[in-house]
Amino acid sequence: MAGSMLISVLITFLVIVLVLWLVNRLPLDGRTKQIAQIVVIIIGIISLLKYLAVF
């Protein structure tokens, strides 16, 4: 059970990093890019907390 949770957390973390990298590659202005990064980080933290049984 713990191994499965660890793998899920690791995959979620890797997806967050990949999406942040893709957002940085988009041709957006600085403010829009910053807002997109904040949204991705918030969604990532919420999903990680879900895996850690906080929610």
PDB file of N, CA and C in Angstrom:
ATOM      1  N   MET A   1       0.821  -1.194   0.000  1.00  0.00           N
ATOM      2  CA  MET A   1       0.000   0.000   0.000  1.00  0.00           C
ATOM      3  C   MET A   1       0.869   1.263   0.000  1.00  0.00           C
ATOM      4  N   ALA A   2       1.928   1.271   0.809  1.00  0.00           N
ATOM      5  CA  ALA A   2       2.788   2.453   0.882  1.00  0.00           C
ATOM      6  C   ALA A   2       3.563   2.647  -0.424  1.00  0.00           C
ATOM      7  N   GLY A   3       3.957   1.550  -1.058  1.00  0.00           N
ATOM      8  CA  GLY A   3       4.676   1.650  -2.325  1.00  0.00           C
ATOM      9  C   GLY A   3       3.805   2.239  -3.414  1.00  0.00           C
ATOM     10  N   SER A   4       2.536   1.862  -3.428  1.00  0.00           N
ATOM     11  CA  SER A   4       1.604   2.390  -4.410  1.00  0.00           C
ATOM     12  C   SER A   4       1.391   3.886  -4.207  1.00  0.00           C
ATOM     13  N   MET A   5       1.280   4.303  -2.952  1.00  0.00           N
ATOM     14  CA  MET A   5       1.098   5.724  -2.668  1.00  0.00           C
ATOM     15  C   MET A   5       2.339   6.508  -3.066  1.00  0.00           C
ATOM     16  N   LEU A   6       3.514   5.947  -2.810  1.00  0.00           N
ATOM     17  CA  LEU A   6       4.755   6.621  -3.167  1.00  0.00           C
ATOM     18  C   LEU A   6       4.886   6.783  -4.680  1.00  0.00           C
ATOM     19  N   ILE A   7       4.508   5.768  -5.411  1.00  0.00           N
ATOM     20  CA  ILE A   7       4.556   5.845  -6.871  1.00  0.00           C
ATOM     21  C   ILE A   7       3.567   6.894  -7.379  1.00  0.00           C
ATOM     22  N   SER A   8       2.379   6.953  -6.792  1.00  0.00           N
ATOM     23  CA  SER A   8       1.385   7.941  -7.196  1.00  0.00           C
ATOM     24  C   SER A   8       1.873   9.353  -6.920  1.00  0.00           C
ATOM     25  N   VAL A   9       2.485   9.565  -5.781  1.00  0.00           N
ATOM     26  CA  VAL A   9       3.016  10.892  -5.448  1.00  0.00           C
ATOM     27  C   VAL A   9       4.142  11.260  -6.401  1.00  0.00           C
ATOM     28  N   LEU A  10       5.003  10.320  -6.715  1.00  0.00           N
ATOM     29  CA  LEU A  10       6.113  10.581  -7.629  1.00  0.00           C
ATOM     30  C   LEU A  10       5.608  10.921  -9.028  1.00  0.00           C
ATOM     31  N   ILE A  11       4.644  10.176  -9.513  1.00  0.00           N
ATOM     32  CA  ILE A  11       4.078  10.449 -10.842  1.00  0.00           C
ATOM     33  C   ILE A  11       3.407  11.815 -10.868  1.00  0.00           C
ATOM     34  N   THR A  12       2.673  12.149  -9.805  1.00  0.00           N
ATOM     35  CA  THR A  12       2.027  13.457  -9.731  1.00  0.00           C
ATOM     36  C   THR A  12       3.065  14.570  -9.741  1.00  0.00           C
ATOM     37  N   PHE A  13       4.138  14.403  -8.996  1.00  0.00           N
ATOM     38  CA  PHE A  13       5.206  15.401  -8.964  1.00  0.00           C
ATOM     39  C   PHE A  13       5.837  15.571 -10.345  1.00  0.00           C
ATOM     40  N   LEU A  14       6.075  14.466 -11.036  1.00  0.00           N
ATOM     41  CA  LEU A  14       6.670  14.542 -12.372  1.00  0.00           C
ATOM     42  C   LEU A  14       5.740  15.226 -13.366  1.00  0.00           C
ATOM     43  N   VAL A  15       4.444  14.980 -13.246  1.00  0.00           N
ATOM     44  CA  VAL A  15       3.475  15.632 -14.127  1.00  0.00           C
ATOM     45  C   VAL A  15       3.453  17.138 -13.861  1.00  0.00           C
ATOM     46  N   ILE A  16       3.525  17.527 -12.597  1.00  0.00           N
ATOM     47  CA  ILE A  16       3.551  18.948 -12.259  1.00  0.00           C
ATOM     48  C   ILE A  16       4.781  19.614 -12.867  1.00  0.00           C
ATOM     49  N   VAL A  17       5.926  18.979 -12.734  1.00  0.00           N
ATOM     50  CA  VAL A  17       7.164  19.538 -13.298  1.00  0.00           C
ATOM     51  C   VAL A  17       7.066  19.632 -14.822  1.00  0.00           C
ATOM     52  N   LEU A  18       6.516  18.619 -15.455  1.00  0.00           N
ATOM     53  CA  LEU A  18       6.364  18.636 -16.912  1.00  0.00           C
ATOM     54  C   LEU A  18       5.426  19.756 -17.364  1.00  0.00           C
ATOM     55  N   VAL A  19       4.316  19.925 -16.679  1.00  0.00           N
ATOM     56  CA  VAL A  19       3.376  20.989 -17.059  1.00  0.00           C
ATOM     57  C   VAL A  19       3.994  22.362 -16.833  1.00  0.00           C
ATOM     58  N   LEU A  20       4.740  22.535 -15.750  1.00  0.00           N
ATOM     59  CA  LEU A  20       5.417  23.818 -15.530  1.00  0.00           C
ATOM     60  C   LEU A  20       6.443  24.093 -16.623  1.00  0.00           C
ATOM     61  N   TRP A  21       7.147  23.068 -17.060  1.00  0.00           N
ATOM     62  CA  TRP A  21       8.108  23.235 -18.149  1.00  0.00           C
ATOM     63  C   TRP A  21       7.389  23.633 -19.443  1.00  0.00           C
ATOM     64  N   LEU A  22       6.260  22.984 -19.701  1.00  0.00           N
ATOM     65  CA  LEU A  22       5.497  23.312 -20.909  1.00  0.00           C
ATOM     66  C   LEU A  22       4.937  24.728 -20.849  1.00  0.00           C
ATOM     67  N   VAL A  23       4.503  25.175 -19.676  1.00  0.00           N
ATOM     68  CA  VAL A  23       4.014  26.545 -19.536  1.00  0.00           C
ATOM     69  C   VAL A  23       5.140  27.536 -19.825  1.00  0.00           C
ATOM     70  N   ASN A  24       6.350  27.222 -19.380  1.00  0.00           N
ATOM     71  CA  ASN A  24       7.483  28.109 -19.652  1.00  0.00           C
ATOM     72  C   ASN A  24       7.811  28.170 -21.137  1.00  0.00           C
ATOM     73  N   ARG A  25       7.497  27.118 -21.874  1.00  0.00           N
ATOM     74  CA  ARG A  25       7.792  27.085 -23.307  1.00  0.00           C
ATOM     75  C   ARG A  25       6.755  27.848 -24.135  1.00  0.00           C
ATOM     76  N   LEU A  26       5.590  28.149 -23.544  1.00  0.00           N
ATOM     77  CA  LEU A  26       4.547  28.848 -24.284  1.00  0.00           C
ATOM     78  C   LEU A  26       4.939  30.301 -24.540  1.00  0.00           C
ATOM     79  N   PRO A  27       4.553  30.820 -25.703  1.00  0.00           N
ATOM     80  CA  PRO A  27       4.886  32.227 -26.007  1.00  0.00           C
ATOM     81  C   PRO A  27       3.864  33.179 -25.379  1.00  0.00           C
ATOM     82  N   LEU A  28       3.908  33.309 -24.065  1.00  0.00           N
ATOM     83  CA  LEU A  28       3.001  34.193 -23.344  1.00  0.00           C
ATOM     84  C   LEU A  28       3.792  35.342 -22.728  1.00  0.00           C
ATOM     85  N   ASP A  29       3.071  36.411 -22.385  1.00  0.00           N
ATOM     86  CA  ASP A  29       3.760  37.486 -21.681  1.00  0.00           C
ATOM     87  C   ASP A  29       4.012  37.080 -20.227  1.00  0.00           C
ATOM     88  N   GLY A  30       4.815  37.842 -19.537  1.00  0.00           N
ATOM     89  CA  GLY A  30       5.278  37.462 -18.210  1.00  0.00           C
ATOM     90  C   GLY A  30       4.174  37.280 -17.190  1.00  0.00           C
ATOM     91  N   ARG A  31       3.201  38.188 -17.192  1.00  0.00           N
ATOM     92  CA  ARG A  31       2.131  38.129 -16.186  1.00  0.00           C
ATOM     93  C   ARG A  31       1.254  36.900 -16.391  1.00  0.00           C
ATOM     94  N   THR A  32       0.887  36.613 -17.625  1.00  0.00           N
ATOM     95  CA  THR A  32       0.044  35.453 -17.924  1.00  0.00           C
ATOM     96  C   THR A  32       0.786  34.159 -17.596  1.00  0.00           C
ATOM     97  N   LYS A  33       2.060  34.116 -17.906  1.00  0.00           N
ATOM     98  CA  LYS A  33       2.853  32.929 -17.609  1.00  0.00           C
ATOM     99  C   LYS A  33       2.946  32.700 -16.103  1.00  0.00           C
ATOM    100  N   GLN A  34       3.098  33.782 -15.341  1.00  0.00           N
ATOM    101  CA  GLN A  34       3.175  33.671 -13.890  1.00  0.00           C
ATOM    102  C   GLN A  34       1.853  33.176 -13.309  1.00  0.00           C
ATOM    103  N   ILE A  35       0.730  33.670 -13.815  1.00  0.00           N
ATOM    104  CA  ILE A  35      -0.578  33.215 -13.348  1.00  0.00           C
ATOM    105  C   ILE A  35      -0.773  31.737 -13.667  1.00  0.00           C
ATOM    106  N   ALA A  36      -0.374  31.316 -14.861  1.00  0.00           N
ATOM    107  CA  ALA A  36      -0.502  29.906 -15.237  1.00  0.00           C
ATOM    108  C   ALA A  36       0.357  29.021 -14.343  1.00  0.00           C
ATOM    109  N   GLN A  37       1.556  29.472 -14.008  1.00  0.00           N
ATOM    110  CA  GLN A  37       2.421  28.702 -13.120  1.00  0.00           C
ATOM    111  C   GLN A  37       1.818  28.575 -11.726  1.00  0.00           C
ATOM    112  N   ILE A  38       1.235  29.656 -11.223  1.00  0.00           N
ATOM    113  CA  ILE A  38       0.609  29.616  -9.897  1.00  0.00           C
ATOM    114  C   ILE A  38      -0.569  28.656  -9.888  1.00  0.00           C
ATOM    115  N   VAL A  39      -1.375  28.679 -10.948  1.00  0.00           N
ATOM    116  CA  VAL A  39      -2.518  27.771 -11.032  1.00  0.00           C
ATOM    117  C   VAL A  39      -2.055  26.317 -11.057  1.00  0.00           C
ATOM    118  N   VAL A  40      -1.023  26.015 -11.831  1.00  0.00           N
ATOM    119  CA  VAL A  40      -0.497  24.652 -11.907  1.00  0.00           C
ATOM    120  C   VAL A  40       0.045  24.210 -10.559  1.00  0.00           C
ATOM    121  N   ILE A  41       0.748  25.084  -9.866  1.00  0.00           N
ATOM    122  CA  ILE A  41       1.306  24.732  -8.559  1.00  0.00           C
ATOM    123  C   ILE A  41       0.201  24.481  -7.541  1.00  0.00           C
ATOM    124  N   ILE A  42      -0.833  25.311  -7.543  1.00  0.00           N
ATOM    125  CA  ILE A  42      -1.940  25.114  -6.598  1.00  0.00           C
ATOM    126  C   ILE A  42      -2.658  23.804  -6.865  1.00  0.00           C
ATOM    127  N   ILE A  43      -2.937  23.512  -8.125  1.00  0.00           N
ATOM    128  CA  ILE A  43      -3.595  22.241  -8.465  1.00  0.00           C
ATOM    129  C   ILE A  43      -2.701  21.067  -8.086  1.00  0.00           C
ATOM    130  N   GLY A  44      -1.399  21.200  -8.305  1.00  0.00           N
ATOM    131  CA  GLY A  44      -0.469  20.139  -7.936  1.00  0.00           C
ATOM    132  C   GLY A  44      -0.414  19.899  -6.439  1.00  0.00           C
ATOM    133  N   ILE A  45      -0.397  20.972  -5.665  1.00  0.00           N
ATOM    134  CA  ILE A  45      -0.371  20.815  -4.204  1.00  0.00           C
ATOM    135  C   ILE A  45      -1.652  20.165  -3.713  1.00  0.00           C
ATOM    136  N   ILE A  46      -2.780  20.551  -4.274  1.00  0.00           N
ATOM    137  CA  ILE A  46      -4.055  19.938  -3.866  1.00  0.00           C
ATOM    138  C   ILE A  46      -4.073  18.453  -4.210  1.00  0.00           C
ATOM    139  N   SER A  47      -3.579  18.089  -5.387  1.00  0.00           N
ATOM    140  CA  SER A  47      -3.573  16.674  -5.744  1.00  0.00           C
ATOM    141  C   SER A  47      -2.593  15.874  -4.888  1.00  0.00           C
ATOM    142  N   LEU A  48      -1.461  16.471  -4.548  1.00  0.00           N
ATOM    143  CA  LEU A  48      -0.516  15.772  -3.656  1.00  0.00           C
ATOM    144  C   LEU A  48      -1.116  15.602  -2.263  1.00  0.00           C
ATOM    145  N   LEU A  49      -1.821  16.598  -1.781  1.00  0.00           N
ATOM    146  CA  LEU A  49      -2.469  16.478  -0.472  1.00  0.00           C
ATOM    147  C   LEU A  49      -3.557  15.404  -0.493  1.00  0.00           C
ATOM    148  N   LYS A  50      -4.202  15.251  -1.650  1.00  0.00           N
ATOM    149  CA  LYS A  50      -5.223  14.203  -1.778  1.00  0.00           C
ATOM    150  C   LYS A  50      -4.581  12.827  -1.653  1.00  0.00           C
ATOM    151  N   TYR A  51      -3.415  12.650  -2.257  1.00  0.00           N
ATOM    152  CA  TYR A  51      -2.723  11.364  -2.152  1.00  0.00           C
ATOM    153  C   TYR A  51      -2.218  11.090  -0.743  1.00  0.00           C
ATOM    154  N   LEU A  52      -1.913  12.140  -0.018  1.00  0.00           N
ATOM    155  CA  LEU A  52      -1.432  11.971   1.346  1.00  0.00           C
ATOM    156  C   LEU A  52      -2.582  11.901   2.354  1.00  0.00           C
ATOM    157  N   ALA A  53      -3.815  11.779   1.862  1.00  0.00           N
ATOM    158  CA  ALA A  53      -5.028  11.582   2.661  1.00  0.00           C
ATOM    159  C   ALA A  53      -5.320  12.766   3.569  1.00  0.00           C
ATOM    160  N   VAL A  54      -4.975  13.961   3.145  1.00  0.00           N
ATOM    161  CA  VAL A  54      -5.346  15.152   3.904  1.00  0.00           C
ATOM    162  C   VAL A  54      -6.776  15.550   3.575  1.00  0.00           C
ATOM    163  N   PHE A  55      -7.147  15.368   2.307  1.00  0.00           N
ATOM    164  CA  PHE A  55      -8.527  15.668   1.889  1.00  0.00           C
ATOM    165  C   PHE A  55      -9.298  14.385   1.750  1.00  0.00           C
TER     166      PHE A  55
END
